[in-house]
Amino acid sequence: GYDIDLFFSVCDNKQTKLVFYDITNENDLEKILSYKKEGFNIRT
């Protein structure tokens, strides 16, 4: 939910690999993927 946005509001590190585990719903997934499109090194 909103905690994803809150985390990325202070996270400017696009190098470290971020793995979002135990994703429980597609809404959270889409929000996480939107930050991946911004250049963050994200895995789901």
All heavy atoms as atom14 arrays in JSON, in Angstrom:
{
  "sequence": "GYDIDLFFSVCDNKQTKLVFYDITNENDLEKILSYKKEGFNIRT",
  "atom14_mask": [
    [1, 1, 1, 1, 0, 0, 0, 0, 0, 0, 0, 0, 0, 0],
    [1, 1, 1, 1, 1, 1, 1, 1, 1, 1, 1, 1, 0, 0],
    [1, 1, 1, 1, 1, 1, 1, 1, 0, 0, 0, 0, 0, 0],
    [1, 1, 1, 1, 1, 1, 1, 1, 0, 0, 0, 0, 0, 0],
    [1, 1, 1, 1, 1, 1, 1, 1, 0, 0, 0, 0, 0, 0],
    [1, 1, 1, 1, 1, 1, 1, 1, 0, 0, 0, 0, 0, 0],
    [1, 1, 1, 1, 1, 1, 1, 1, 1, 1, 1, 0, 0, 0],
    [1, 1, 1, 1, 1, 1, 1, 1, 1, 1, 1, 0, 0, 0],
    [1, 1, 1, 1, 1, 1, 0, 0, 0, 0, 0, 0, 0, 0],
    [1, 1, 1, 1, 1, 1, 1, 0, 0, 0, 0, 0, 0, 0],
    [1, 1, 1, 1, 1, 1, 0, 0, 0, 0, 0, 0, 0, 0],
    [1, 1, 1, 1, 1, 1, 1, 1, 0, 0, 0, 0, 0, 0],
    [1, 1, 1, 1, 1, 1, 1, 1, 0, 0, 0, 0, 0, 0],
    [1, 1, 1, 1, 1, 1, 1, 1, 1, 0, 0, 0, 0, 0],
    [1, 1, 1, 1, 1, 1, 1, 1, 1, 0, 0, 0, 0, 0],
    [1, 1, 1, 1, 1, 1, 1, 0, 0, 0, 0, 0, 0, 0],
    [1, 1, 1, 1, 1, 1, 1, 1, 1, 0, 0, 0, 0, 0],
    [1, 1, 1, 1, 1, 1, 1, 1, 0, 0, 0, 0, 0, 0],
    [1, 1, 1, 1, 1, 1, 1, 0, 0, 0, 0, 0, 0, 0],
    [1, 1, 1, 1, 1, 1, 1, 1, 1, 1, 1, 0, 0, 0],
    [1, 1, 1, 1, 1, 1, 1, 1, 1, 1, 1, 1, 0, 0],
    [1, 1, 1, 1, 1, 1, 1, 1, 0, 0, 0, 0, 0, 0],
    [1, 1, 1, 1, 1, 1, 1, 1, 0, 0, 0, 0, 0, 0],
    [1, 1, 1, 1, 1, 1, 1, 0, 0, 0, 0, 0, 0, 0],
    [1, 1, 1, 1, 1, 1, 1, 1, 0, 0, 0, 0, 0, 0],
    [1, 1, 1, 1, 1, 1, 1, 1, 1, 0, 0, 0, 0, 0],
    [1, 1, 1, 1, 1, 1, 1, 1, 0, 0, 0, 0, 0, 0],
    [1, 1, 1, 1, 1, 1, 1, 1, 0, 0, 0, 0, 0, 0],
    [1, 1, 1, 1, 1, 1, 1, 1, 0, 0, 0, 0, 0, 0],
    [1, 1, 1, 1, 1, 1, 1, 1, 1, 0, 0, 0, 0, 0],
    [1, 1, 1, 1, 1, 1, 1, 1, 1, 0, 0, 0, 0, 0],
    [1, 1, 1, 1, 1, 1, 1, 1, 0, 0, 0, 0, 0, 0],
    [1, 1, 1, 1, 1, 1, 1, 1, 0, 0, 0, 0, 0, 0],
    [1, 1, 1, 1, 1, 1, 0, 0, 0, 0, 0, 0, 0, 0],
    [1, 1, 1, 1, 1, 1, 1, 1, 1, 1, 1, 1, 0, 0],
    [1, 1, 1, 1, 1, 1, 1, 1, 1, 0, 0, 0, 0, 0],
    [1, 1, 1, 1, 1, 1, 1, 1, 1, 0, 0, 0, 0, 0],
    [1, 1, 1, 1, 1, 1, 1, 1, 1, 0, 0, 0, 0, 0],
    [1, 1, 1, 1, 0, 0, 0, 0, 0, 0, 0, 0, 0, 0],
    [1, 1, 1, 1, 1, 1, 1, 1, 1, 1, 1, 0, 0, 0],
    [1, 1, 1, 1, 1, 1, 1, 1, 0, 0, 0, 0, 0, 0],
    [1, 1, 1, 1, 1, 1, 1, 1, 0, 0, 0, 0, 0, 0],
    [1, 1, 1, 1, 1, 1, 1, 1, 1, 1, 1, 0, 0, 0],
    [1, 1, 1, 1, 1, 1, 1, 0, 0, 0, 0, 0, 0, 0]
  ],
  "atom14_positions": [
    [[0.79, -1.22, 0.0], [0.0, 0.0, 0.0], [0.83, 1.28, 0.0], [1.84, 1.4, -0.7], [0.0, 0.0, 0.0], [0.0, 0.0, 0.0], [0.0, 0.0, 0.0], [0.0, 0.0, 0.0], [0.0, 0.0, 0.0], [0.0, 0.0, 0.0], [0.0, 0.0, 0.0], [0.0, 0.0, 0.0], [0.0, 0.0, 0.0], [0.0, 0.0, 0.0]],
    [[0.43, 2.23, 0.86], [1.09, 3.53, 0.93], [2.52, 3.42, 1.42], [3.36, 4.29, 1.11], [0.28, 4.45, 1.85], [0.94, 5.78, 2.1], [1.05, 6.73, 1.08], [1.45, 6.09, 3.36], [1.67, 7.96, 1.31], [2.07, 7.31, 3.59], [2.17, 8.24, 2.57], [2.77, 9.45, 2.8], [0.0, 0.0, 0.0], [0.0, 0.0, 0.0]],
    [[2.85, 2.37, 2.18], [4.21, 2.2, 2.7], [5.23, 2.07, 1.57], [6.4, 2.42, 1.74], [4.29, 0.99, 3.62], [3.51, 1.19, 4.91], [3.26, 2.37, 5.24], [3.16, 0.2, 5.57], [0.0, 0.0, 0.0], [0.0, 0.0, 0.0], [0.0, 0.0, 0.0], [0.0, 0.0, 0.0], [0.0, 0.0, 0.0], [0.0, 0.0, 0.0]],
    [[4.82, 1.55, 0.43], [5.72, 1.45, -0.72], [6.12, 2.85, -1.18], [7.29, 3.13, -1.4], [5.04, 0.67, -1.87], [4.72, -0.77, -1.42], [5.94, 0.66, -3.11], [3.88, -1.54, -2.42], [0.0, 0.0, 0.0], [0.0, 0.0, 0.0], [0.0, 0.0, 0.0], [0.0, 0.0, 0.0], [0.0, 0.0, 0.0], [0.0, 0.0, 0.0]],
    [[5.13, 3.73, -1.32], [5.42, 5.1, -1.73], [6.28, 5.81, -0.68], [7.18, 6.58, -1.02], [4.11, 5.87, -1.93], [3.28, 5.31, -3.07], [3.88, 4.93, -4.09], [2.05, 5.24, -2.93], [0.0, 0.0, 0.0], [0.0, 0.0, 0.0], [0.0, 0.0, 0.0], [0.0, 0.0, 0.0], [0.0, 0.0, 0.0], [0.0, 0.0, 0.0]],
    [[6.0, 5.56, 0.6], [6.75, 6.2, 1.67], [8.23, 5.79, 1.63], [9.12, 6.61, 1.82], [6.13, 5.82, 3.02], [6.55, 6.65, 4.25], [6.3, 8.12, 4.01], [5.8, 6.15, 5.48], [0.0, 0.0, 0.0], [0.0, 0.0, 0.0], [0.0, 0.0, 0.0], [0.0, 0.0, 0.0], [0.0, 0.0, 0.0], [0.0, 0.0, 0.0]],
    [[8.47, 4.51, 1.34], [9.85, 4.04, 1.25], [10.59, 4.72, 0.1], [11.71, 5.21, 0.27], [9.87, 2.52, 1.06], [11.22, 1.96, 0.74], [12.18, 1.79, 1.74], [11.57, 1.62, -0.56], [13.44, 1.29, 1.44], [12.81, 1.12, -0.87], [13.75, 0.95, 0.14], [0.0, 0.0, 0.0], [0.0, 0.0, 0.0], [0.0, 0.0, 0.0]],
    [[9.97, 4.77, -1.05], [10.65, 5.35, -2.22], [10.73, 6.88, -2.15], [11.46, 7.5, -2.92], [9.97, 4.91, -3.51], [10.33, 3.5, -3.9], [9.43, 2.47, -3.74], [11.59, 3.21, -4.42], [9.76, 1.16, -4.11], [11.94, 1.92, -4.78], [11.02, 0.9, -4.61], [0.0, 0.0, 0.0], [0.0, 0.0, 0.0], [0.0, 0.0, 0.0]],
    [[10.01, 7.48, -1.21], [10.12, 8.93, -1.04], [11.47, 9.32, -0.46], [11.9, 10.47, -0.63], [8.99, 9.45, -0.13], [9.18, 8.99, 1.2], [0.0, 0.0, 0.0], [0.0, 0.0, 0.0], [0.0, 0.0, 0.0], [0.0, 0.0, 0.0], [0.0, 0.0, 0.0], [0.0, 0.0, 0.0], [0.0, 0.0, 0.0], [0.0, 0.0, 0.0]],
    [[12.14, 8.38, 0.22], [13.47, 8.67, 0.77], [14.56, 7.81, 0.13], [15.74, 8.07, 0.33], [13.5, 8.45, 2.3], [12.51, 9.39, 2.98], [13.23, 7.01, 2.66], [0.0, 0.0, 0.0], [0.0, 0.0, 0.0], [0.0, 0.0, 0.0], [0.0, 0.0, 0.0], [0.0, 0.0, 0.0], [0.0, 0.0, 0.0], [0.0, 0.0, 0.0]],
    [[14.18, 6.8, -0.63], [15.18, 5.92, -1.26], [15.58, 6.48, -2.61], [14.76, 6.6, -3.52], [14.61, 4.51, -1.43], [15.75, 3.37, -2.26], [0.0, 0.0, 0.0], [0.0, 0.0, 0.0], [0.0, 0.0, 0.0], [0.0, 0.0, 0.0], [0.0, 0.0, 0.0], [0.0, 0.0, 0.0], [0.0, 0.0, 0.0], [0.0, 0.0, 0.0]],
    [[16.86, 6.85, -2.71], [17.37, 7.34, -3.99], [18.44, 6.41, -4.56], [19.14, 6.76, -5.5], [17.94, 8.75, -3.83], [19.06, 8.8, -2.79], [19.33, 7.76, -2.17], [19.65, 9.88, -2.59], [0.0, 0.0, 0.0], [0.0, 0.0, 0.0], [0.0, 0.0, 0.0], [0.0, 0.0, 0.0], [0.0, 0.0, 0.0], [0.0, 0.0, 0.0]],
    [[18.55, 5.21, -3.98], [19.57, 4.25, -4.4], [19.0, 3.38, -5.52], [18.14, 2.54, -5.29], [19.98, 3.38, -3.2], [21.15, 2.47, -3.51], [21.32, 2.01, -4.64], [21.97, 2.21, -2.52], [0.0, 0.0, 0.0], [0.0, 0.0, 0.0], [0.0, 0.0, 0.0], [0.0, 0.0, 0.0], [0.0, 0.0, 0.0], [0.0, 0.0, 0.0]],
    [[19.5, 3.58, -6.72], [19.03, 2.8, -7.86], [20.01, 1.7, -8.26], [19.81, 1.03, -9.27], [18.77, 3.72, -9.06], [17.62, 4.7, -8.82], [17.26, 5.47, -10.06], [16.06, 6.38, -9.81], [15.64, 7.13, -11.02], [0.0, 0.0, 0.0], [0.0, 0.0, 0.0], [0.0, 0.0, 0.0], [0.0, 0.0, 0.0], [0.0, 0.0, 0.0]],
    [[21.06, 1.51, -7.44], [22.06, 0.5, -7.73], [21.8, -0.81, -6.98], [21.86, -1.89, -7.54], [23.47, 1.02, -7.39], [23.85, 2.29, -8.14], [23.82, 2.12, -9.64], [24.27, 1.1, -10.18], [23.27, 3.1, -10.34], [0.0, 0.0, 0.0], [0.0, 0.0, 0.0], [0.0, 0.0, 0.0], [0.0, 0.0, 0.0], [0.0, 0.0, 0.0]],
    [[21.52, -0.7, -5.67], [21.3, -1.89, -4.85], [20.07, -2.65, -5.33], [19.03, -2.06, -5.62], [21.12, -1.51, -3.37], [22.29, -0.82, -2.92], [20.91, -2.74, -2.52], [0.0, 0.0, 0.0], [0.0, 0.0, 0.0], [0.0, 0.0, 0.0], [0.0, 0.0, 0.0], [0.0, 0.0, 0.0], [0.0, 0.0, 0.0], [0.0, 0.0, 0.0]],
    [[20.21, -3.97, -5.39], [19.1, -4.82, -5.83], [18.06, -4.9, -4.72], [18.36, -5.29, -3.6], [19.62, -6.21, -6.17], [18.61, -7.12, -6.84], [19.2, -8.52, -7.02], [20.44, -8.5, -7.88], [21.01, -9.85, -8.03], [0.0, 0.0, 0.0], [0.0, 0.0, 0.0], [0.0, 0.0, 0.0], [0.0, 0.0, 0.0], [0.0, 0.0, 0.0]],
    [[16.83, -4.5, -5.02], [15.72, -4.54, -4.06], [14.78, -5.67, -4.46], [14.27, -5.68, -5.58], [14.96, -3.21, -4.05], [15.77, -1.95, -3.75], [14.88, -0.72, -3.86], [16.4, -2.02, -2.36], [0.0, 0.0, 0.0], [0.0, 0.0, 0.0], [0.0, 0.0, 0.0], [0.0, 0.0, 0.0], [0.0, 0.0, 0.0], [0.0, 0.0, 0.0]],
    [[14.57, -6.61, -3.55], [13.66, -7.73, -3.82], [12.45, -7.59, -2.92], [12.55, -7.66, -1.69], [14.36, -9.09, -3.56], [13.38, -10.23, -3.8], [15.58, -9.23, -4.45], [0.0, 0.0, 0.0], [0.0, 0.0, 0.0], [0.0, 0.0, 0.0], [0.0, 0.0, 0.0], [0.0, 0.0, 0.0], [0.0, 0.0, 0.0], [0.0, 0.0, 0.0]],
    [[11.31, -7.37, -3.52], [10.05, -7.3, -2.77], [9.46, -8.71, -2.72], [9.03, -9.25, -3.74], [9.09, -6.32, -3.42], [9.44, -4.87, -3.17], [10.38, -4.23, -3.97], [8.86, -4.18, -2.14], [10.73, -2.91, -3.74], [9.19, -2.84, -1.89], [10.13, -2.21, -2.7], [0.0, 0.0, 0.0], [0.0, 0.0, 0.0], [0.0, 0.0, 0.0]],
    [[9.47, -9.3, -1.53], [9.05, -10.7, -1.38], [7.63, -10.77, -0.8], [7.11, -9.81, -0.24], [10.03, -11.47, -0.5], [10.06, -11.03, 0.96], [9.28, -11.66, 1.92], [10.87, -9.98, 1.37], [9.3, -11.26, 3.24], [10.91, -9.58, 2.69], [10.11, -10.22, 3.62], [10.13, -9.82, 4.94], [0.0, 0.0, 0.0], [0.0, 0.0, 0.0]],
    [[7.02, -11.93, -0.94], [5.68, -12.19, -0.4], [4.67, -11.13, -0.83], [3.89, -10.61, -0.03], [5.7, -12.3, 1.12], [6.16, -13.66, 1.6], [6.43, -14.52, 0.74], [6.26, -13.88, 2.82], [0.0, 0.0, 0.0], [0.0, 0.0, 0.0], [0.0, 0.0, 0.0], [0.0, 0.0, 0.0], [0.0, 0.0, 0.0], [0.0, 0.0, 0.0]],
    [[4.68, -10.8, -2.11], [3.66, -9.89, -2.64], [2.32, -10.61, -2.62], [2.19, -11.72, -3.14], [4.02, -9.44, -4.06], [5.32, -8.63, -4.04], [2.89, -8.63, -4.69], [5.86, -8.28, -5.41], [0.0, 0.0, 0.0], [0.0, 0.0, 0.0], [0.0, 0.0, 0.0], [0.0, 0.0, 0.0], [0.0, 0.0, 0.0], [0.0, 0.0, 0.0]],
    [[1.32, -9.99, -2.01], [0.06, -10.69, -1.78], [-1.06, -10.3, -2.75], [-2.08, -10.98, -2.8], [-0.44, -10.42, -0.35], [-0.66, -9.0, -0.18], [0.58, -10.87, 0.68], [0.0, 0.0, 0.0], [0.0, 0.0, 0.0], [0.0, 0.0, 0.0], [0.0, 0.0, 0.0], [0.0, 0.0, 0.0], [0.0, 0.0, 0.0], [0.0, 0.0, 0.0]],
    [[-0.88, -9.2, -3.49], [-1.96, -8.79, -4.39], [-1.39, -8.02, -5.58], [-0.26, -7.51, -5.54], [-3.0, -7.94, -3.66], [-2.41, -6.68, -3.08], [-2.21, -5.7, -3.79], [-2.1, -6.69, -1.78], [0.0, 0.0, 0.0], [0.0, 0.0, 0.0], [0.0, 0.0, 0.0], [0.0, 0.0, 0.0], [0.0, 0.0, 0.0], [0.0, 0.0, 0.0]],
    [[-2.17, -7.92, -6.63], [-1.71, -7.33, -7.87], [-1.59, -5.81, -7.78], [-0.82, -5.19, -8.53], [-2.64, -7.72, -9.02], [-4.04, -7.15, -8.97], [-4.99, -7.92, -8.06], [-4.52, -8.75, -7.26], [-6.21, -7.68, -8.15], [0.0, 0.0, 0.0], [0.0, 0.0, 0.0], [0.0, 0.0, 0.0], [0.0, 0.0, 0.0], [0.0, 0.0, 0.0]],
    [[-2.32, -5.18, -6.85], [-2.22, -3.72, -6.7], [-0.84, -3.3, -6.19], [-0.22, -2.36, -6.71], [-3.31, -3.21, -5.75], [-4.71, -3.39, -6.32], [-4.91, -3.32, -7.53], [-5.67, -3.64, -5.45], [0.0, 0.0, 0.0], [0.0, 0.0, 0.0], [0.0, 0.0, 0.0], [0.0, 0.0, 0.0], [0.0, 0.0, 0.0], [0.0, 0.0, 0.0]],
    [[-0.36, -4.01, -5.16], [0.98, -3.75, -4.66], [2.02, -4.03, -5.74], [3.0, -3.3, -5.89], [1.28, -4.61, -3.42], [0.52, -4.14, -2.19], [-0.01, -3.01, -2.22], [0.46, -4.9, -1.21], [0.0, 0.0, 0.0], [0.0, 0.0, 0.0], [0.0, 0.0, 0.0], [0.0, 0.0, 0.0], [0.0, 0.0, 0.0], [0.0, 0.0, 0.0]],
    [[1.81, -5.1, -6.49], [2.74, -5.47, -7.56], [2.86, -4.36, -8.59], [3.97, -3.98, -8.99], [2.29, -6.78, -8.22], [3.12, -7.23, -9.42], [4.55, -7.54, -9.02], [2.48, -8.47, -10.07], [0.0, 0.0, 0.0], [0.0, 0.0, 0.0], [0.0, 0.0, 0.0], [0.0, 0.0, 0.0], [0.0, 0.0, 0.0], [0.0, 0.0, 0.0]],
    [[1.73, -3.83, -9.04], [1.76, -2.78, -10.05], [2.45, -1.52, -9.53], [3.17, -0.84, -10.26], [0.34, -2.45, -10.52], [-0.33, -3.57, -11.31], [0.42, -3.91, -12.59], [1.1, -3.01, -13.14], [0.35, -5.06, -13.03], [0.0, 0.0, 0.0], [0.0, 0.0, 0.0], [0.0, 0.0, 0.0], [0.0, 0.0, 0.0], [0.0, 0.0, 0.0]],
    [[2.23, -1.21, -8.25], [2.88, -0.03, -7.66], [4.39, -0.23, -7.61], [5.16, 0.69, -7.92], [2.32, 0.21, -6.26], [2.85, 1.46, -5.59], [2.11, 1.76, -4.3], [0.69, 2.22, -4.57], [0.04, 2.76, -3.36], [0.0, 0.0, 0.0], [0.0, 0.0, 0.0], [0.0, 0.0, 0.0], [0.0, 0.0, 0.0], [0.0, 0.0, 0.0]],
    [[4.83, -1.42, -7.22], [6.27, -1.72, -7.18], [6.87, -1.64, -8.57], [7.95, -1.08, -8.78], [6.49, -3.1, -6.55], [6.12, -3.08, -5.06], [7.94, -3.56, -6.73], [5.99, -4.46, -4.44], [0.0, 0.0, 0.0], [0.0, 0.0, 0.0], [0.0, 0.0, 0.0], [0.0, 0.0, 0.0], [0.0, 0.0, 0.0], [0.0, 0.0, 0.0]],
    [[6.16, -2.19, -9.56], [6.68, -2.18, -10.94], [6.75, -0.76, -11.51], [7.57, -0.48, -12.39], [5.8, -3.06, -11.83], [5.88, -4.57, -11.56], [4.9, -5.32, -12.44], [7.29, -5.09, -11.77], [0.0, 0.0, 0.0], [0.0, 0.0, 0.0], [0.0, 0.0, 0.0], [0.0, 0.0, 0.0], [0.0, 0.0, 0.0], [0.0, 0.0, 0.0]],
    [[5.89, 0.13, -11.01], [5.96, 1.52, -11.49], [7.27, 2.17, -11.08], [7.83, 3.0, -11.83], [4.78, 2.33, -10.94], [4.9, 2.52, -9.53], [0.0, 0.0, 0.0], [0.0, 0.0, 0.0], [0.0, 0.0, 0.0], [0.0, 0.0, 0.0], [0.0, 0.0, 0.0], [0.0, 0.0, 0.0], [0.0, 0.0, 0.0], [0.0, 0.0, 0.0]],
    [[7.81, 1.79, -9.92], [9.11, 2.31, -9.5], [10.25, 1.62, -10.25], [11.3, 2.23, -10.48], [9.28, 2.15, -7.99], [8.45, 3.13, -7.2], [7.24, 2.74, -6.62], [8.85, 4.45, -7.06], [6.47, 3.64, -5.91], [8.08, 5.37, -6.35], [6.89, 4.96, -5.78], [6.12, 5.87, -5.09], [0.0, 0.0, 0.0], [0.0, 0.0, 0.0]],
    [[10.02, 0.4, -10.66], [11.03, -0.27, -11.49], [11.19, 0.45, -12.82], [12.3, 0.59, -13.34], [10.63, -1.73, -11.71], [11.66, -2.54, -12.48], [11.25, -4.01, -12.58], [12.31, -4.82, -13.31], [11.95, -6.27, -13.38], [0.0, 0.0, 0.0], [0.0, 0.0, 0.0], [0.0, 0.0, 0.0], [0.0, 0.0, 0.0], [0.0, 0.0, 0.0]],
    [[10.09, 0.96, -13.36], [10.14, 1.7, -14.62], [10.9, 3.01, -14.47], [11.41, 3.56, -15.45], [8.72, 1.97, -15.12], [7.98, 0.72, -15.57], [6.56, 1.05, -16.0], [5.81, -0.21, -16.42], [4.39, 0.09, -16.76], [0.0, 0.0, 0.0], [0.0, 0.0, 0.0], [0.0, 0.0, 0.0], [0.0, 0.0, 0.0], [0.0, 0.0, 0.0]],
    [[10.98, 3.5, -13.24], [11.72, 4.74, -12.98], [13.22, 4.5, -12.86], [13.98, 5.45, -12.66], [11.2, 5.41, -11.71], [9.78, 5.93, -11.83], [9.3, 6.6, -10.55], [10.16, 6.89, -9.67], [8.08, 6.84, -10.42], [0.0, 0.0, 0.0], [0.0, 0.0, 0.0], [0.0, 0.0, 0.0], [0.0, 0.0, 0.0], [0.0, 0.0, 0.0]],
    [[13.64, 3.22, -12.94], [15.06, 2.93, -12.94], [15.59, 2.24, -11.7], [16.79, 1.95, -11.62], [0.0, 0.0, 0.0], [0.0, 0.0, 0.0], [0.0, 0.0, 0.0], [0.0, 0.0, 0.0], [0.0, 0.0, 0.0], [0.0, 0.0, 0.0], [0.0, 0.0, 0.0], [0.0, 0.0, 0.0], [0.0, 0.0, 0.0], [0.0, 0.0, 0.0]],
    [[14.73, 1.95, -10.73], [15.18, 1.23, -9.55], [15.43, -0.23, -9.89], [14.73, -0.82, -10.72], [14.14, 1.33, -8.42], [14.07, 2.68, -7.77], [13.18, 3.64, -8.22], [14.91, 3.0, -6.72], [13.12, 4.9, -7.63], [14.87, 4.25, -6.12], [13.97, 5.2, -6.58], [0.0, 0.0, 0.0], [0.0, 0.0, 0.0], [0.0, 0.0, 0.0]],
    [[16.45, -0.8, -9.25], [16.86, -2.19, -9.51], [15.99, -3.12, -8.67], [16.37, -3.57, -7.58], [18.34, -2.35, -9.15], [18.89, -3.7, -9.58], [18.2, -4.5, -10.21], [20.13, -3.97, -9.22], [0.0, 0.0, 0.0], [0.0, 0.0, 0.0], [0.0, 0.0, 0.0], [0.0, 0.0, 0.0], [0.0, 0.0, 0.0], [0.0, 0.0, 0.0]],
    [[14.82, -3.43, -9.18], [13.79, -4.14, -8.41], [13.52, -5.52, -8.98], [13.45, -5.71, -10.2], [12.47, -3.31, -8.39], [12.66, -2.04, -7.54], [11.31, -4.14, -7.84], [11.47, -1.11, -7.58], [0.0, 0.0, 0.0], [0.0, 0.0, 0.0], [0.0, 0.0, 0.0], [0.0, 0.0, 0.0], [0.0, 0.0, 0.0], [0.0, 0.0, 0.0]],
    [[13.34, -6.5, -8.08], [12.87, -7.83, -8.43], [11.64, -8.13, -7.58], [11.53, -7.66, -6.45], [13.94, -8.89, -8.2], [15.24, -8.66, -8.97], [15.04, -8.8, -10.47], [16.3, -8.66, -11.18], [16.82, -7.49, -11.57], [16.15, -6.37, -11.32], [17.97, -7.44, -12.2], [0.0, 0.0, 0.0], [0.0, 0.0, 0.0], [0.0, 0.0, 0.0]],
    [[10.74, -8.95, -8.12], [9.48, -9.24, -7.42], [9.36, -10.72, -7.12], [9.77, -11.56, -7.92], [8.28, -8.78, -8.26], [8.36, -9.41, -9.56], [8.28, -7.27, -8.43], [0.0, 0.0, 0.0], [0.0, 0.0, 0.0], [0.0, 0.0, 0.0], [0.0, 0.0, 0.0], [0.0, 0.0, 0.0], [0.0, 0.0, 0.0], [0.0, 0.0, 0.0]]
  ]
}
